[in-house]
Amino acid sequence: MTVVRALARPLLSMIFVVQGANSIRNPEPLVPKAQPVTDRLVPMVKRVAPPQVGDRIPETTVNLVRLNGAVQVLGGLALATGKGRRLGAATLATTLLPVTVAGHPFWQVKDKETRAAQRVQFMKNLGLLGGLLLAAVDTEGQPGLAWRASHGARAAKRETKRGAKAAKRETTRGAKAAKREAKQLARETKQAARLAKAELT
């Protein structure tokens, strides 16, 4: 891991760990802003998710805020420590979307100053989202699974072509060698027949 990654990951994850811990300890102040989003999101997720997942989703907004906080703490720690960093970053990106929509709906605010402040917070969260997406796809310079799969397929195709060409060359060589041997045998047979004829006369 480079020095930049060693510094960037904890810096990016710090806000999620701190805010997540605050959400777990004291979720009540966040409930009024979260309520409209959870009221729309939870029924939709329960309809789409398999029953074993849907049945485990908390009903109350307080518990949903706590659950989101716990996921942010775990995702933040995974990103900061590098243990499961890509999954942690992807999880944080997923939790950031509803938090941003619920926490900073600047389009609903009438007051110009408050709207401008909320827009700044909304854009800041979009910046964090961009950083998380980059962290989620960062393979530290190593080829990712998609790259390996596509290059593995190409390599296998190349090897197959090489094998086919080599087999064709060997077949051609074998055919030429057999032809030479057949000619040599025919010459030798002719010569033996001449000698036999000469001896008889």
Protein backbone atom coordinates (compact mmCIF):
# COMPACT_ATOMS: atom_id res chain seq x y z
CA MET A 1 0.00 0.00 0.00
CA THR A 2 1.31 3.45 -0.88
CA VAL A 3 1.65 6.29 1.63
CA VAL A 4 -1.12 8.22 -0.15
CA ARG A 5 -3.56 5.32 0.22
CA ALA A 6 -2.53 4.79 3.86
CA LEU A 7 -3.44 8.44 4.59
CA ALA A 8 -6.42 8.85 2.26
CA ARG A 9 -8.47 5.89 3.43
CA PRO A 10 -8.66 6.86 7.12
CA LEU A 11 -9.30 10.50 6.18
CA LEU A 12 -12.16 9.52 3.88
CA SER A 13 -13.68 7.10 6.39
CA MET A 14 -13.34 9.30 9.52
CA ILE A 15 -16.61 11.20 9.04
CA PHE A 16 -18.55 7.95 8.57
CA VAL A 17 -17.15 6.35 11.73
CA VAL A 18 -17.82 9.48 13.85
CA GLN A 19 -21.28 10.24 12.41
CA GLY A 20 -22.22 6.55 12.46
CA ALA A 21 -21.29 6.27 16.14
CA ASN A 22 -23.34 9.42 16.88
CA SER A 23 -26.32 7.93 15.02
CA ILE A 24 -26.12 4.77 17.12
CA ARG A 25 -25.87 6.65 20.44
CA ASN A 26 -28.32 9.46 19.73
CA PRO A 27 -30.61 8.76 16.74
CA GLU A 28 -33.58 10.96 17.83
CA PRO A 29 -32.38 14.27 16.31
CA LEU A 30 -32.02 12.56 12.91
CA VAL A 31 -35.45 10.93 12.90
CA PRO A 32 -37.51 13.93 11.61
CA LYS A 33 -35.31 14.29 8.51
CA ALA A 34 -35.02 10.54 7.96
CA GLN A 35 -38.74 9.78 8.38
CA PRO A 36 -39.94 10.91 4.89
CA VAL A 37 -37.19 8.89 3.17
CA THR A 38 -37.64 5.75 5.29
CA ASP A 39 -41.43 5.88 4.82
CA ARG A 40 -40.92 5.63 1.06
CA LEU A 41 -37.79 3.46 0.96
CA VAL A 42 -38.59 0.69 3.47
CA PRO A 43 -41.83 -0.60 1.85
CA MET A 44 -40.14 -0.61 -1.55
CA VAL A 45 -37.11 -2.55 -0.23
CA LYS A 46 -39.38 -5.03 1.58
CA ARG A 47 -41.27 -5.70 -1.66
CA VAL A 48 -38.08 -6.25 -3.67
CA ALA A 49 -35.91 -8.05 -1.11
CA PRO A 50 -36.19 -11.80 -0.42
CA PRO A 51 -38.44 -12.57 2.60
CA GLN A 52 -35.51 -13.61 4.82
CA VAL A 53 -33.95 -10.15 4.28
CA GLY A 54 -37.16 -8.09 4.18
CA ASP A 55 -38.40 -9.52 7.50
CA ARG A 56 -35.22 -8.35 9.26
CA ILE A 57 -35.50 -4.69 8.19
CA PRO A 58 -36.48 -2.60 11.23
CA GLU A 59 -39.91 -0.95 11.17
CA THR A 60 -39.17 2.16 13.25
CA THR A 61 -37.16 5.07 11.89
CA VAL A 62 -35.10 5.23 15.11
CA ASN A 63 -33.88 1.68 14.57
CA LEU A 64 -33.26 2.35 10.88
CA VAL A 65 -31.11 5.36 11.80
CA ARG A 66 -29.19 3.20 14.28
CA LEU A 67 -28.78 0.43 11.69
CA ASN A 68 -27.48 2.93 9.13
CA GLY A 69 -25.05 4.26 11.74
CA ALA A 70 -23.77 0.76 12.53
CA VAL A 71 -23.27 0.03 8.82
CA GLN A 72 -21.36 3.32 8.45
CA VAL A 73 -19.10 2.50 11.40
CA LEU A 74 -18.33 -0.97 10.06
CA GLY A 75 -17.83 0.27 6.49
CA GLY A 76 -15.65 3.13 7.71
CA LEU A 77 -13.46 0.83 9.78
CA ALA A 78 -13.12 -1.59 6.86
CA LEU A 79 -12.04 1.23 4.57
CA ALA A 80 -9.69 2.80 7.14
CA THR A 81 -7.92 -0.44 8.07
CA GLY A 82 -7.79 -1.84 4.54
CA LYS A 83 -9.50 -5.08 5.62
CA GLY A 84 -12.36 -5.37 3.15
CA ARG A 85 -11.64 -1.82 1.96
CA ARG A 86 -13.43 -2.09 -1.39
CA LEU A 87 -16.59 -3.63 0.08
CA GLY A 88 -16.47 -1.06 2.90
CA ALA A 89 -16.24 1.81 0.41
CA ALA A 90 -19.09 0.42 -1.70
CA THR A 91 -21.24 -0.02 1.43
CA LEU A 92 -20.54 3.54 2.55
CA ALA A 93 -21.46 4.82 -0.91
CA THR A 94 -24.78 2.96 -0.65
CA THR A 95 -25.56 4.40 2.80
CA LEU A 96 -24.58 7.90 1.73
CA LEU A 97 -27.32 8.18 -0.91
CA PRO A 98 -30.38 8.09 1.40
CA VAL A 99 -28.53 10.14 4.03
CA THR A 100 -27.83 12.87 1.47
CA VAL A 101 -31.39 12.95 0.15
CA ALA A 102 -32.87 12.97 3.67
CA GLY A 103 -30.36 15.34 5.26
CA HIS A 104 -29.90 18.00 2.59
CA PRO A 105 -33.03 18.42 0.41
CA PHE A 106 -32.07 21.95 -0.67
CA TRP A 107 -34.72 21.92 -3.40
CA GLN A 108 -37.45 22.00 -0.71
CA VAL A 109 -36.03 24.96 1.22
CA LYS A 110 -37.58 28.41 0.65
CA ASP A 111 -35.02 30.63 2.42
CA LYS A 112 -32.16 31.53 0.05
CA GLU A 113 -29.35 31.38 2.62
CA THR A 114 -30.51 28.08 4.09
CA ARG A 115 -30.97 26.65 0.60
CA ALA A 116 -27.42 27.71 -0.36
CA ALA A 117 -26.01 26.10 2.81
CA GLN A 118 -27.96 22.89 2.18
CA ARG A 119 -26.80 22.85 -1.45
CA VAL A 120 -23.17 23.08 -0.28
CA GLN A 121 -23.71 20.14 2.09
CA PHE A 122 -25.42 18.18 -0.69
CA MET A 123 -22.47 18.84 -3.05
CA LYS A 124 -19.98 17.92 -0.30
CA ASN A 125 -21.73 14.57 0.07
CA LEU A 126 -21.57 14.08 -3.70
CA GLY A 127 -17.81 14.70 -3.46
CA LEU A 128 -17.57 12.08 -0.70
CA LEU A 129 -19.60 9.72 -2.90
CA GLY A 130 -17.09 10.22 -5.73
CA GLY A 131 -14.19 9.44 -3.39
CA LEU A 132 -15.94 6.31 -2.13
CA LEU A 133 -16.62 5.10 -5.66
CA LEU A 134 -12.93 5.55 -6.50
CA ALA A 135 -11.96 3.66 -3.35
CA ALA A 136 -14.44 0.89 -4.20
CA VAL A 137 -12.78 0.24 -7.57
CA ASP A 138 -9.18 0.79 -6.43
CA THR A 139 -7.21 -2.42 -6.96
CA GLU A 140 -3.92 -0.85 -5.78
CA GLY A 141 -2.41 -1.21 -9.23
CA GLN A 142 -3.19 -4.93 -9.38
CA PRO A 143 -5.41 -6.26 -12.14
CA GLY A 144 -9.05 -6.53 -11.10
CA LEU A 145 -11.25 -9.57 -11.65
CA ALA A 146 -12.83 -8.14 -14.81
CA TRP A 147 -9.41 -7.41 -16.31
CA ARG A 148 -8.11 -10.84 -15.37
CA ALA A 149 -11.16 -12.56 -16.83
CA SER A 150 -11.00 -10.68 -20.15
CA HIS A 151 -7.23 -11.06 -20.47
CA GLY A 152 -7.43 -14.70 -19.39
CA ALA A 153 -9.95 -15.36 -22.15
CA ARG A 154 -7.72 -13.60 -24.69
CA ALA A 155 -4.67 -15.52 -23.50
CA ALA A 156 -6.58 -18.80 -23.78
CA LYS A 157 -7.67 -17.85 -27.31
CA ARG A 158 -4.07 -17.01 -28.25
CA GLU A 159 -2.84 -20.30 -26.81
CA THR A 160 -5.53 -22.19 -28.70
CA LYS A 161 -4.48 -20.48 -31.95
CA ARG A 162 -0.82 -21.21 -31.23
CA GLY A 163 -1.64 -24.83 -30.47
CA ALA A 164 -3.67 -25.13 -33.68
CA LYS A 165 -0.84 -23.57 -35.74
CA ALA A 166 1.74 -25.81 -34.08
CA ALA A 167 -0.43 -28.88 -34.75
CA LYS A 168 -0.86 -27.79 -38.38
CA ARG A 169 2.91 -27.31 -38.75
CA GLU A 170 3.58 -30.71 -37.23
CA THR A 171 0.99 -32.32 -39.50
CA THR A 172 2.56 -30.64 -42.56
CA ARG A 173 6.05 -31.69 -41.49
CA GLY A 174 4.84 -35.24 -40.83
CA ALA A 175 3.16 -35.39 -44.25
CA LYS A 176 6.32 -34.08 -45.98
CA ALA A 177 8.51 -36.55 -44.08
CA ALA A 178 6.17 -39.42 -44.97
CA LYS A 179 6.21 -38.32 -48.63
CA ARG A 180 10.04 -38.19 -48.62
CA GLU A 181 10.23 -41.61 -47.03
CA ALA A 182 7.74 -43.02 -49.56
CA LYS A 183 9.83 -41.59 -52.43
CA GLN A 184 13.02 -42.96 -50.88
CA LEU A 185 11.39 -46.38 -50.49
CA ALA A 186 10.14 -46.28 -54.09
CA ARG A 187 13.70 -45.45 -55.31
CA GLU A 188 15.19 -48.19 -53.22
CA THR A 189 12.58 -50.67 -54.48
CA LYS A 190 13.30 -49.65 -58.09
CA GLN A 191 17.03 -50.01 -57.55
CA ALA A 192 16.60 -53.43 -55.95
CA ALA A 193 14.43 -54.53 -58.89
CA ARG A 194 17.11 -53.37 -61.37
CA LEU A 195 19.82 -55.23 -59.51
CA ALA A 196 17.70 -58.37 -59.40
CA LYS A 197 17.03 -58.10 -63.13
CA ALA A 198 20.73 -57.56 -63.87
CA GLU A 199 21.67 -60.64 -61.92
CA LEU A 200 19.20 -62.80 -63.80
CA THR A 201 20.51 -61.78 -67.21
